[in-house]
Amino acid sequence: MTTTRDDTPPALDERSVLLTMLDYTRKTAIAKAEGLSDADAAKAPLPTSPLMTVSGVISHLRWVEYSWIQCRLLGHEDEGPWTDEDPDREFHYRLTMPLAEVIADYEAMAREHDALIAGWDLDMVAAQKFRDGREFNLRWILNHLVEENARHNGHIDIIRELVDGTTGD
């Protein structure tokens, strides 16, 4: 594994812990894809989950973070790949793209968000509200993204093992 990842924050304050764990879970997804061919990254080995590919899950993680930071937090217009007819399009629209490009896009978005988040207060209230009308803030979003990434990293583990037998931590 060549992707360097570290889950030890530089300090134990809330911001350091949240940002460290977000970075760690992002890099874990990337590390789990290392050495996988483009063809294998596009394979969906679970018969009941045809959208679950390593490449598709990494694309999904990229677009989920975009949605929470750009759209829900900042209130920008949603320019994600999904449509009403295909709400899960982010899982499959890039399957012909080389895995390295999918990962590079995810990493670029992560760097952009890290630069933005560095100057924001964790209590920053999102432009959008939950469906029931309650507000949420950057703190909640960061916790949610860590959870989202960690859950999907488990999916990547399963997919990877089924595709080429590789297991990892």
Protein backbone atom coordinates (compact mmCIF):
# COMPACT_ATOMS: atom_id res chain seq x y z
CA MET A 1 0.00 0.00 0.00
CA THR A 2 1.56 3.29 -1.07
CA THR A 3 -1.19 5.67 0.05
CA THR A 4 -0.05 7.24 3.31
CA ARG A 5 -2.80 7.59 5.85
CA ASP A 6 -2.77 8.43 9.52
CA ASP A 7 -5.68 8.48 11.95
CA THR A 8 -3.71 10.24 14.68
CA PRO A 9 -4.70 13.93 14.85
CA PRO A 10 -2.06 16.58 15.50
CA ALA A 11 -4.13 17.71 18.51
CA LEU A 12 -7.19 16.38 20.31
CA ASP A 13 -9.49 19.34 19.72
CA GLU A 14 -12.70 18.62 17.87
CA ARG A 15 -11.65 20.23 14.57
CA SER A 16 -8.35 18.32 14.43
CA VAL A 17 -10.06 15.02 15.18
CA LEU A 18 -12.86 15.54 12.62
CA LEU A 19 -10.54 16.65 9.82
CA THR A 20 -8.05 13.88 10.54
CA MET A 21 -10.75 11.23 10.45
CA LEU A 22 -12.24 12.67 7.26
CA ASP A 23 -8.83 12.62 5.60
CA TYR A 24 -8.14 9.12 6.90
CA THR A 25 -11.41 7.69 5.59
CA ARG A 26 -10.89 9.36 2.20
CA LYS A 27 -7.38 7.95 1.91
CA THR A 28 -8.57 4.54 3.05
CA ALA A 29 -10.93 4.34 0.06
CA ILE A 30 -8.06 5.23 -2.25
CA ALA A 31 -5.68 2.76 -0.56
CA LYS A 32 -8.22 -0.05 -0.97
CA ALA A 33 -8.25 0.59 -4.74
CA GLU A 34 -4.46 0.45 -5.15
CA GLY A 35 -3.22 -2.04 -7.70
CA LEU A 36 -6.68 -2.67 -9.15
CA SER A 37 -6.95 -2.67 -12.93
CA ASP A 38 -9.43 -0.36 -14.62
CA ALA A 39 -11.44 -3.38 -15.75
CA ASP A 40 -11.57 -4.85 -12.24
CA ALA A 41 -12.45 -1.43 -10.76
CA ALA A 42 -15.56 -1.46 -12.96
CA LYS A 43 -16.67 -5.00 -12.02
CA ALA A 44 -19.83 -5.41 -9.95
CA PRO A 45 -19.48 -8.84 -8.30
CA LEU A 46 -22.61 -8.66 -6.15
CA PRO A 47 -25.59 -9.89 -8.18
CA THR A 48 -28.10 -7.90 -6.12
CA SER A 49 -26.04 -4.69 -6.22
CA PRO A 50 -25.07 -4.02 -9.85
CA LEU A 51 -23.99 -0.45 -9.04
CA MET A 52 -21.41 -1.51 -6.44
CA THR A 53 -18.00 -1.31 -8.07
CA VAL A 54 -14.80 0.04 -6.56
CA SER A 55 -14.69 2.84 -9.14
CA GLY A 56 -18.38 3.58 -8.62
CA VAL A 57 -18.12 3.74 -4.84
CA ILE A 58 -15.17 6.15 -5.03
CA SER A 59 -17.13 8.29 -7.50
CA HIS A 60 -20.10 8.16 -5.12
CA LEU A 61 -17.94 9.30 -2.18
CA ARG A 62 -16.70 12.23 -4.24
CA TRP A 63 -20.20 13.31 -5.21
CA VAL A 64 -21.68 12.78 -1.75
CA GLU A 65 -19.07 15.13 -0.30
CA TYR A 66 -19.75 17.62 -3.08
CA SER A 67 -23.46 17.46 -2.32
CA TRP A 68 -23.04 18.05 1.41
CA ILE A 69 -20.43 20.83 1.17
CA GLN A 70 -21.29 22.66 -2.04
CA CYS A 71 -25.05 22.21 -2.20
CA ARG A 72 -26.39 21.71 1.31
CA LEU A 73 -23.85 23.73 3.30
CA LEU A 74 -23.12 26.53 0.85
CA GLY A 75 -26.39 26.51 -1.06
CA HIS A 76 -24.83 26.25 -4.52
CA GLU A 77 -26.83 24.88 -7.41
CA ASP A 78 -26.57 21.10 -7.61
CA GLU A 79 -24.47 20.16 -10.63
CA GLY A 80 -24.05 16.52 -9.66
CA PRO A 81 -24.34 13.72 -12.20
CA TRP A 82 -27.62 12.35 -10.84
CA THR A 83 -30.97 12.92 -12.51
CA ASP A 84 -34.58 12.26 -11.56
CA GLU A 85 -34.53 9.29 -13.94
CA ASP A 86 -31.17 8.03 -12.61
CA PRO A 87 -30.69 9.18 -8.99
CA ASP A 88 -27.69 6.85 -8.51
CA ARG A 89 -25.86 7.86 -11.69
CA GLU A 90 -22.68 8.80 -9.78
CA PHE A 91 -22.12 5.08 -9.20
CA HIS A 92 -21.93 4.13 -12.87
CA TYR A 93 -21.44 7.08 -15.24
CA ARG A 94 -17.64 6.93 -14.93
CA LEU A 95 -17.09 3.19 -15.28
CA THR A 96 -15.29 3.61 -18.60
CA MET A 97 -12.99 6.25 -17.09
CA PRO A 98 -9.60 5.03 -15.83
CA LEU A 99 -9.63 4.44 -12.09
CA ALA A 100 -6.68 6.83 -11.71
CA GLU A 101 -8.83 9.66 -13.11
CA VAL A 102 -11.73 8.87 -10.77
CA ILE A 103 -9.31 8.93 -7.84
CA ALA A 104 -7.57 12.12 -9.03
CA ASP A 105 -10.95 13.87 -9.23
CA TYR A 106 -11.83 12.70 -5.71
CA GLU A 107 -8.47 13.90 -4.38
CA ALA A 108 -8.79 17.30 -6.10
CA MET A 109 -12.25 17.82 -4.63
CA ALA A 110 -10.95 16.80 -1.19
CA ARG A 111 -8.10 19.35 -1.40
CA GLU A 112 -10.57 22.05 -2.45
CA HIS A 113 -12.89 21.26 0.44
CA ASP A 114 -10.03 21.02 2.93
CA ALA A 115 -8.90 24.52 1.95
CA LEU A 116 -12.42 25.87 2.38
CA ILE A 117 -13.17 24.07 5.64
CA ALA A 118 -9.92 25.23 7.25
CA GLY A 119 -11.34 28.71 7.70
CA TRP A 120 -14.90 27.82 8.68
CA ASP A 121 -16.44 27.62 12.12
CA LEU A 122 -17.81 24.16 12.96
CA ASP A 123 -21.04 25.90 14.04
CA MET A 124 -21.52 27.33 10.53
CA VAL A 125 -25.19 26.70 9.72
CA ALA A 126 -25.96 25.06 6.40
CA ALA A 127 -27.88 26.95 3.74
CA GLN A 128 -30.31 24.04 3.45
CA LYS A 129 -32.24 22.39 6.25
CA PHE A 130 -33.14 18.81 6.99
CA ARG A 131 -36.41 17.67 5.40
CA ASP A 132 -38.20 18.22 8.70
CA GLY A 133 -37.05 21.85 8.80
CA ARG A 134 -34.29 21.51 11.39
CA GLU A 135 -30.98 23.23 10.78
CA PHE A 136 -27.63 21.46 10.70
CA ASN A 137 -24.07 22.72 10.69
CA LEU A 138 -20.59 21.98 9.39
CA ARG A 139 -19.83 19.86 12.48
CA TRP A 140 -22.73 17.53 11.63
CA ILE A 141 -21.71 17.38 7.97
CA LEU A 142 -18.12 16.43 8.79
CA ASN A 143 -19.29 13.69 11.17
CA HIS A 144 -21.71 12.45 8.52
CA LEU A 145 -18.98 12.36 5.84
CA VAL A 146 -16.69 10.33 8.11
CA GLU A 147 -19.56 7.89 8.68
CA GLU A 148 -20.42 7.75 4.97
CA ASN A 149 -16.80 7.11 3.98
CA ALA A 150 -16.24 4.49 6.68
CA ARG A 151 -19.39 2.58 5.71
CA HIS A 152 -18.48 2.58 2.03
CA ASN A 153 -14.89 1.59 2.79
CA GLY A 154 -16.37 -1.64 4.12
CA HIS A 155 -18.22 -2.06 0.83
CA ILE A 156 -14.97 -1.52 -1.08
CA ASP A 157 -13.35 -4.25 1.06
CA ILE A 158 -16.05 -6.73 0.10
CA ILE A 159 -16.07 -5.79 -3.59
CA ARG A 160 -12.28 -5.93 -3.80
CA GLU A 161 -12.09 -9.34 -2.18
CA LEU A 162 -14.73 -10.71 -4.55
CA VAL A 163 -13.09 -9.15 -7.63
CA ASP A 164 -9.46 -10.17 -7.12
CA GLY A 165 -9.10 -11.76 -3.68
CA THR A 166 -7.26 -8.79 -2.16
CA THR A 167 -8.00 -8.10 1.49
CA GLY A 168 -6.74 -5.26 3.62
CA ASP A 169 -7.23 -3.26 6.75
